[in-house]
Amino acid sequence: MSETDIQNEIRLALSAHGVVLRMNTGVFKTEDGRTIRCGIKGTSDLLFIGNGYIAFIEVKTPLGRASPDQINFVKQIQKLGHKAGFARSVKEALNIILGGNTNV
């Protein structure tokens, strides 16, 4: 299963609990050849907005590895008192939003 497939399953499951936003980051070229950069390096894939709280979720495949920037971002969000973590499944994502954080 691809990271996109896992992310879509997570987005669907979490939408029953609040609002889920996909946070696109990266570089792309427009039709006329201009380079566009969007997002902040390391920002998590998903932002969950629940009743009175937020959570950032970085989605990975079972073999996927977090980059140093992603690890730093999650740690900074956690230090600020918000929920954040890495999810390889719907179960892990639900644990982040309902139970707390997960480690890399």
C-alpha atoms as a PDB file:
ATOM      1  CA  MET A   1       0.000   0.000   0.000  1.00  0.00           C
ATOM      2  CA  SER A   2       1.368   3.439  -0.929  1.00  0.00           C
ATOM      3  CA  GLU A   3       1.708   6.380   1.437  1.00  0.00           C
ATOM      4  CA  THR A   4      -1.079   8.118  -0.499  1.00  0.00           C
ATOM      5  CA  ASP A   5      -3.388   5.116   0.036  1.00  0.00           C
ATOM      6  CA  ILE A   6      -2.638   5.074   3.776  1.00  0.00           C
ATOM      7  CA  GLN A   7      -3.123   8.835   3.965  1.00  0.00           C
ATOM      8  CA  ASN A   8      -6.502   8.610   2.224  1.00  0.00           C
ATOM      9  CA  GLU A   9      -7.676   5.878   4.625  1.00  0.00           C
ATOM     10  CA  ILE A  10      -6.568   8.008   7.580  1.00  0.00           C
ATOM     11  CA  ARG A  11      -8.276  11.126   6.209  1.00  0.00           C
ATOM     12  CA  LEU A  12     -11.533   9.236   5.792  1.00  0.00           C
ATOM     13  CA  ALA A  13     -11.424   7.670   9.275  1.00  0.00           C
ATOM     14  CA  LEU A  14     -10.446  10.875  11.070  1.00  0.00           C
ATOM     15  CA  SER A  15     -13.130  12.935   9.330  1.00  0.00           C
ATOM     16  CA  ALA A  16     -15.673  11.262  11.635  1.00  0.00           C
ATOM     17  CA  HIS A  17     -13.938  13.004  14.575  1.00  0.00           C
ATOM     18  CA  GLY A  18     -13.233  16.486  13.168  1.00  0.00           C
ATOM     19  CA  VAL A  19     -11.758  18.320  10.205  1.00  0.00           C
ATOM     20  CA  VAL A  20      -8.725  16.905   8.369  1.00  0.00           C
ATOM     21  CA  LEU A  21      -6.560  19.089   6.151  1.00  0.00           C
ATOM     22  CA  ARG A  22      -3.849  17.808   3.856  1.00  0.00           C
ATOM     23  CA  MET A  23      -0.746  19.970   4.168  1.00  0.00           C
ATOM     24  CA  ASN A  24       1.026  19.930   0.811  1.00  0.00           C
ATOM     25  CA  THR A  25       4.709  20.774   0.771  1.00  0.00           C
ATOM     26  CA  GLY A  26       7.186  20.506  -2.038  1.00  0.00           C
ATOM     27  CA  VAL A  27       8.260  21.928  -5.360  1.00  0.00           C
ATOM     28  CA  PHE A  28       6.494  21.852  -8.703  1.00  0.00           C
ATOM     29  CA  LYS A  29       6.688  23.551 -12.079  1.00  0.00           C
ATOM     30  CA  THR A  30       3.856  25.457 -13.681  1.00  0.00           C
ATOM     31  CA  GLU A  31       2.871  24.959 -17.321  1.00  0.00           C
ATOM     32  CA  ASP A  32       4.952  27.985 -18.269  1.00  0.00           C
ATOM     33  CA  GLY A  33       8.058  26.589 -16.512  1.00  0.00           C
ATOM     34  CA  ARG A  34       8.042  28.629 -13.295  1.00  0.00           C
ATOM     35  CA  THR A  35       9.186  26.811 -10.143  1.00  0.00           C
ATOM     36  CA  ILE A  36       6.781  27.032  -7.190  1.00  0.00           C
ATOM     37  CA  ARG A  37       7.729  26.058  -3.639  1.00  0.00           C
ATOM     38  CA  CYS A  38       4.961  25.559  -1.113  1.00  0.00           C
ATOM     39  CA  GLY A  39       4.793  24.657   2.547  1.00  0.00           C
ATOM     40  CA  ILE A  40       7.476  24.512   5.212  1.00  0.00           C
ATOM     41  CA  LYS A  41      10.083  21.749   5.104  1.00  0.00           C
ATOM     42  CA  GLY A  42       9.242  19.058   7.649  1.00  0.00           C
ATOM     43  CA  THR A  43       5.587  20.034   8.115  1.00  0.00           C
ATOM     44  CA  SER A  44       3.373  17.016   8.777  1.00  0.00           C
ATOM     45  CA  ASP A  45       1.149  15.594   6.035  1.00  0.00           C
ATOM     46  CA  LEU A  46      -2.118  16.135   7.882  1.00  0.00           C
ATOM     47  CA  LEU A  47      -3.551  18.719  10.247  1.00  0.00           C
ATOM     48  CA  PHE A  48      -6.460  17.450  12.334  1.00  0.00           C
ATOM     49  CA  ILE A  49      -8.785  19.963  14.005  1.00  0.00           C
ATOM     50  CA  GLY A  50     -10.882  18.444  16.763  1.00  0.00           C
ATOM     51  CA  ASN A  51     -13.182  19.822  19.419  1.00  0.00           C
ATOM     52  CA  GLY A  52     -10.803  22.085  21.324  1.00  0.00           C
ATOM     53  CA  TYR A  53      -7.501  20.701  20.044  1.00  0.00           C
ATOM     54  CA  ILE A  54      -5.333  20.159  16.988  1.00  0.00           C
ATOM     55  CA  ALA A  55      -3.025  17.341  15.940  1.00  0.00           C
ATOM     56  CA  PHE A  56      -0.339  17.025  13.289  1.00  0.00           C
ATOM     57  CA  ILE A  57       0.102  13.610  11.659  1.00  0.00           C
ATOM     58  CA  GLU A  58       3.024  12.535   9.494  1.00  0.00           C
ATOM     59  CA  VAL A  59       1.988   9.515   7.400  1.00  0.00           C
ATOM     60  CA  LYS A  60       4.519   6.812   6.539  1.00  0.00           C
ATOM     61  CA  THR A  61       4.427   3.414   4.879  1.00  0.00           C
ATOM     62  CA  PRO A  62       5.469   0.446   7.033  1.00  0.00           C
ATOM     63  CA  LEU A  63       9.041   0.835   5.742  1.00  0.00           C
ATOM     64  CA  GLY A  64       9.032   4.633   5.422  1.00  0.00           C
ATOM     65  CA  ARG A  65      11.481   6.701   7.446  1.00  0.00           C
ATOM     66  CA  ALA A  66      10.993  10.155   8.873  1.00  0.00           C
ATOM     67  CA  SER A  67      13.424  12.870   7.829  1.00  0.00           C
ATOM     68  CA  PRO A  68      15.280  14.896  10.460  1.00  0.00           C
ATOM     69  CA  ASP A  69      13.086  17.903   9.550  1.00  0.00           C
ATOM     70  CA  GLN A  70       9.905  15.861  10.095  1.00  0.00           C
ATOM     71  CA  ILE A  71      11.149  14.560  13.443  1.00  0.00           C
ATOM     72  CA  ASN A  72      12.065  18.087  14.526  1.00  0.00           C
ATOM     73  CA  PHE A  73       8.669  19.452  13.471  1.00  0.00           C
ATOM     74  CA  VAL A  74       6.763  16.801  15.450  1.00  0.00           C
ATOM     75  CA  LYS A  75       8.944  17.360  18.524  1.00  0.00           C
ATOM     76  CA  GLN A  76       8.392  21.127  18.366  1.00  0.00           C
ATOM     77  CA  ILE A  77       4.614  20.698  18.092  1.00  0.00           C
ATOM     78  CA  GLN A  78       4.655  18.304  21.058  1.00  0.00           C
ATOM     79  CA  LYS A  79       6.751  20.785  23.099  1.00  0.00           C
ATOM     80  CA  LEU A  80       4.058  23.387  22.446  1.00  0.00           C
ATOM     81  CA  GLY A  81       1.551  21.046  24.076  1.00  0.00           C
ATOM     82  CA  HIS A  82      -0.228  19.851  20.947  1.00  0.00           C
ATOM     83  CA  LYS A  83      -0.757  16.319  19.696  1.00  0.00           C
ATOM     84  CA  ALA A  84       1.598  15.140  16.961  1.00  0.00           C
ATOM     85  CA  GLY A  85       3.118  11.928  15.720  1.00  0.00           C
ATOM     86  CA  PHE A  86       3.822   9.452  12.970  1.00  0.00           C
ATOM     87  CA  ALA A  87       1.153   7.089  11.657  1.00  0.00           C
ATOM     88  CA  ARG A  88       1.507   4.026   9.453  1.00  0.00           C
ATOM     89  CA  SER A  89      -2.160   3.059   9.814  1.00  0.00           C
ATOM     90  CA  VAL A  90      -5.601   4.350  10.736  1.00  0.00           C
ATOM     91  CA  LYS A  91      -5.167   2.827  14.202  1.00  0.00           C
ATOM     92  CA  GLU A  92      -1.974   4.809  14.843  1.00  0.00           C
ATOM     93  CA  ALA A  93      -3.573   8.023  13.550  1.00  0.00           C
ATOM     94  CA  LEU A  94      -6.577   7.514  15.828  1.00  0.00           C
ATOM     95  CA  ASN A  95      -4.185   7.003  18.728  1.00  0.00           C
ATOM     96  CA  ILE A  96      -2.599  10.372  17.974  1.00  0.00           C
ATOM     97  CA  ILE A  97      -5.877  12.308  17.904  1.00  0.00           C
ATOM     98  CA  LEU A  98      -7.644  10.415  20.687  1.00  0.00           C
ATOM     99  CA  GLY A  99      -4.858   9.235  22.927  1.00  0.00           C
ATOM    100  CA  GLY A 100      -1.796  11.340  22.440  1.00  0.00           C
ATOM    101  CA  ASN A 101       1.470  11.187  20.584  1.00  0.00           C
ATOM    102  CA  THR A 102       3.432   8.445  18.862  1.00  0.00           C
ATOM    103  CA  ASN A 103       7.145   8.065  18.405  1.00  0.00           C
ATOM    104  CA  VAL A 104       9.069   7.696  15.169  1.00  0.00           C
END
